[in-house]
């Protein structure tokens, strides 16, 4: 497991997608309370970045282009037109810093 420091936890706004790149992988971070979710920042339906205007509600992120929704914990598609899941990555928060391991998706 190779973790990369991404950003301070305080930099992540509650419930707002935050796009970044971790070791060459596009990642969207979503903070809900003290928990942070990390998913591949690419909609499996339209190949657009989820962090560019995606909405977060009820434990899901919705693609801004066609409204495809994905579960933040599993990456599973919740609403059409998406039918394929997106990768979910391991996240840890230590001493106020967010770390992500993009090498091995946790949902594959």
Protein backbone atom coordinates (compact mmCIF):
# COMPACT_ATOMS: atom_id res chain seq x y z
CA UNK A 1 0.00 0.00 0.00
CA UNK A 2 1.41 3.37 -1.03
CA UNK A 3 -0.28 6.39 0.47
CA UNK A 4 0.23 9.92 -0.76
CA UNK A 5 -0.38 13.07 1.26
CA UNK A 6 -3.01 15.04 -0.63
CA UNK A 7 -4.01 18.07 1.44
CA UNK A 8 -4.92 19.29 4.92
CA UNK A 9 -8.38 18.15 6.05
CA UNK A 10 -9.26 21.79 6.73
CA UNK A 11 -8.88 22.51 2.99
CA UNK A 12 -11.86 20.29 2.14
CA UNK A 13 -15.25 22.00 2.34
CA UNK A 14 -18.07 19.90 3.79
CA UNK A 15 -19.99 18.07 1.03
CA UNK A 16 -18.17 19.79 -1.84
CA UNK A 17 -16.24 17.75 -4.45
CA UNK A 18 -12.53 18.53 -4.52
CA UNK A 19 -10.65 17.38 -7.61
CA UNK A 20 -6.97 16.53 -7.48
CA UNK A 21 -4.40 14.19 -8.97
CA UNK A 22 -2.72 11.54 -6.84
CA UNK A 23 0.29 9.80 -8.37
CA UNK A 24 -1.13 10.39 -11.86
CA UNK A 25 -4.67 9.28 -10.98
CA UNK A 26 -7.56 11.76 -11.14
CA UNK A 27 -9.27 11.68 -7.72
CA UNK A 28 -12.32 13.45 -6.31
CA UNK A 29 -12.37 13.90 -2.54
CA UNK A 30 -15.59 14.47 -0.62
CA UNK A 31 -15.59 15.38 3.06
CA UNK A 32 -18.59 14.40 5.15
CA UNK A 33 -17.87 15.37 8.76
CA UNK A 34 -14.50 13.94 9.73
CA UNK A 35 -14.73 11.23 7.07
CA UNK A 36 -13.27 11.69 3.59
CA UNK A 37 -14.23 9.65 0.54
CA UNK A 38 -11.93 9.28 -2.48
CA UNK A 39 -13.14 8.10 -5.88
CA UNK A 40 -11.83 8.17 -9.43
CA UNK A 41 -12.71 11.64 -10.73
CA UNK A 42 -14.17 10.38 -14.00
CA UNK A 43 -17.83 9.54 -14.68
CA UNK A 44 -18.06 5.99 -16.05
CA UNK A 45 -20.79 7.08 -18.46
CA UNK A 46 -19.52 10.30 -20.02
CA UNK A 47 -15.81 10.37 -19.11
CA UNK A 48 -16.09 13.87 -17.57
CA UNK A 49 -14.67 14.94 -14.23
CA UNK A 50 -17.12 14.65 -11.35
CA UNK A 51 -15.43 17.42 -9.39
CA UNK A 52 -16.25 20.03 -12.06
CA UNK A 53 -19.73 20.81 -10.79
CA UNK A 54 -20.84 17.47 -9.37
CA UNK A 55 -23.37 17.63 -6.53
CA UNK A 56 -23.13 15.62 -3.30
CA UNK A 57 -26.19 14.48 -1.33
CA UNK A 58 -27.40 11.43 0.57
CA UNK A 59 -24.03 9.66 0.40
CA UNK A 60 -23.70 10.00 -3.37
CA UNK A 61 -22.03 12.21 -5.97
CA UNK A 62 -23.97 13.16 -9.09
CA UNK A 63 -22.31 13.87 -12.42
CA UNK A 64 -23.02 17.40 -13.61
CA UNK A 65 -23.42 16.40 -17.28
CA UNK A 66 -26.18 13.77 -17.36
CA UNK A 67 -27.06 13.26 -13.69
CA UNK A 68 -25.51 9.82 -13.18
CA UNK A 69 -25.13 9.19 -9.45
CA UNK A 70 -22.46 7.12 -7.68
CA UNK A 71 -22.33 5.81 -4.12
CA UNK A 72 -19.46 7.47 -2.24
CA UNK A 73 -18.59 4.28 -0.32
CA UNK A 74 -18.83 1.68 -3.09
CA UNK A 75 -18.57 3.62 -6.36
CA UNK A 76 -21.65 1.75 -7.61
CA UNK A 77 -23.91 3.62 -10.05
CA UNK A 78 -27.17 4.61 -8.37
CA UNK A 79 -28.93 6.36 -11.24
CA UNK A 80 -28.76 6.09 -15.02
CA UNK A 81 -27.30 6.68 -17.47
CA UNK A 82 -24.22 5.20 -15.73
CA UNK A 83 -24.12 1.41 -15.50
CA UNK A 84 -20.48 0.82 -14.49
CA UNK A 85 -18.98 1.61 -11.06
CA UNK A 86 -16.11 4.02 -10.52
CA UNK A 87 -13.04 3.16 -8.47
CA UNK A 88 -12.98 3.93 -4.74
CA UNK A 89 -9.66 4.49 -2.98
CA UNK A 90 -8.48 4.00 0.59
CA UNK A 91 -8.30 7.25 2.57
CA UNK A 92 -6.82 8.00 5.96
CA UNK A 93 -6.65 11.20 7.98
CA UNK A 94 -3.69 11.57 10.32
CA UNK A 95 -2.71 14.66 12.26
CA UNK A 96 -5.07 16.77 10.16
CA UNK A 97 -3.68 15.57 6.80
CA UNK A 98 -5.52 13.53 4.16
CA UNK A 99 -3.73 10.55 2.58
CA UNK A 100 -4.96 8.51 -0.41
CA UNK A 101 -3.76 5.21 -1.88
CA UNK A 102 -4.73 5.20 -5.58
CA UNK A 103 -2.83 2.02 -6.46
CA UNK A 104 -5.48 -0.52 -5.52
CA UNK A 105 -9.17 0.39 -5.64
CA UNK A 106 -11.00 -0.91 -2.58
CA UNK A 107 -14.08 -1.89 -4.57
CA UNK A 108 -12.37 -4.16 -7.12
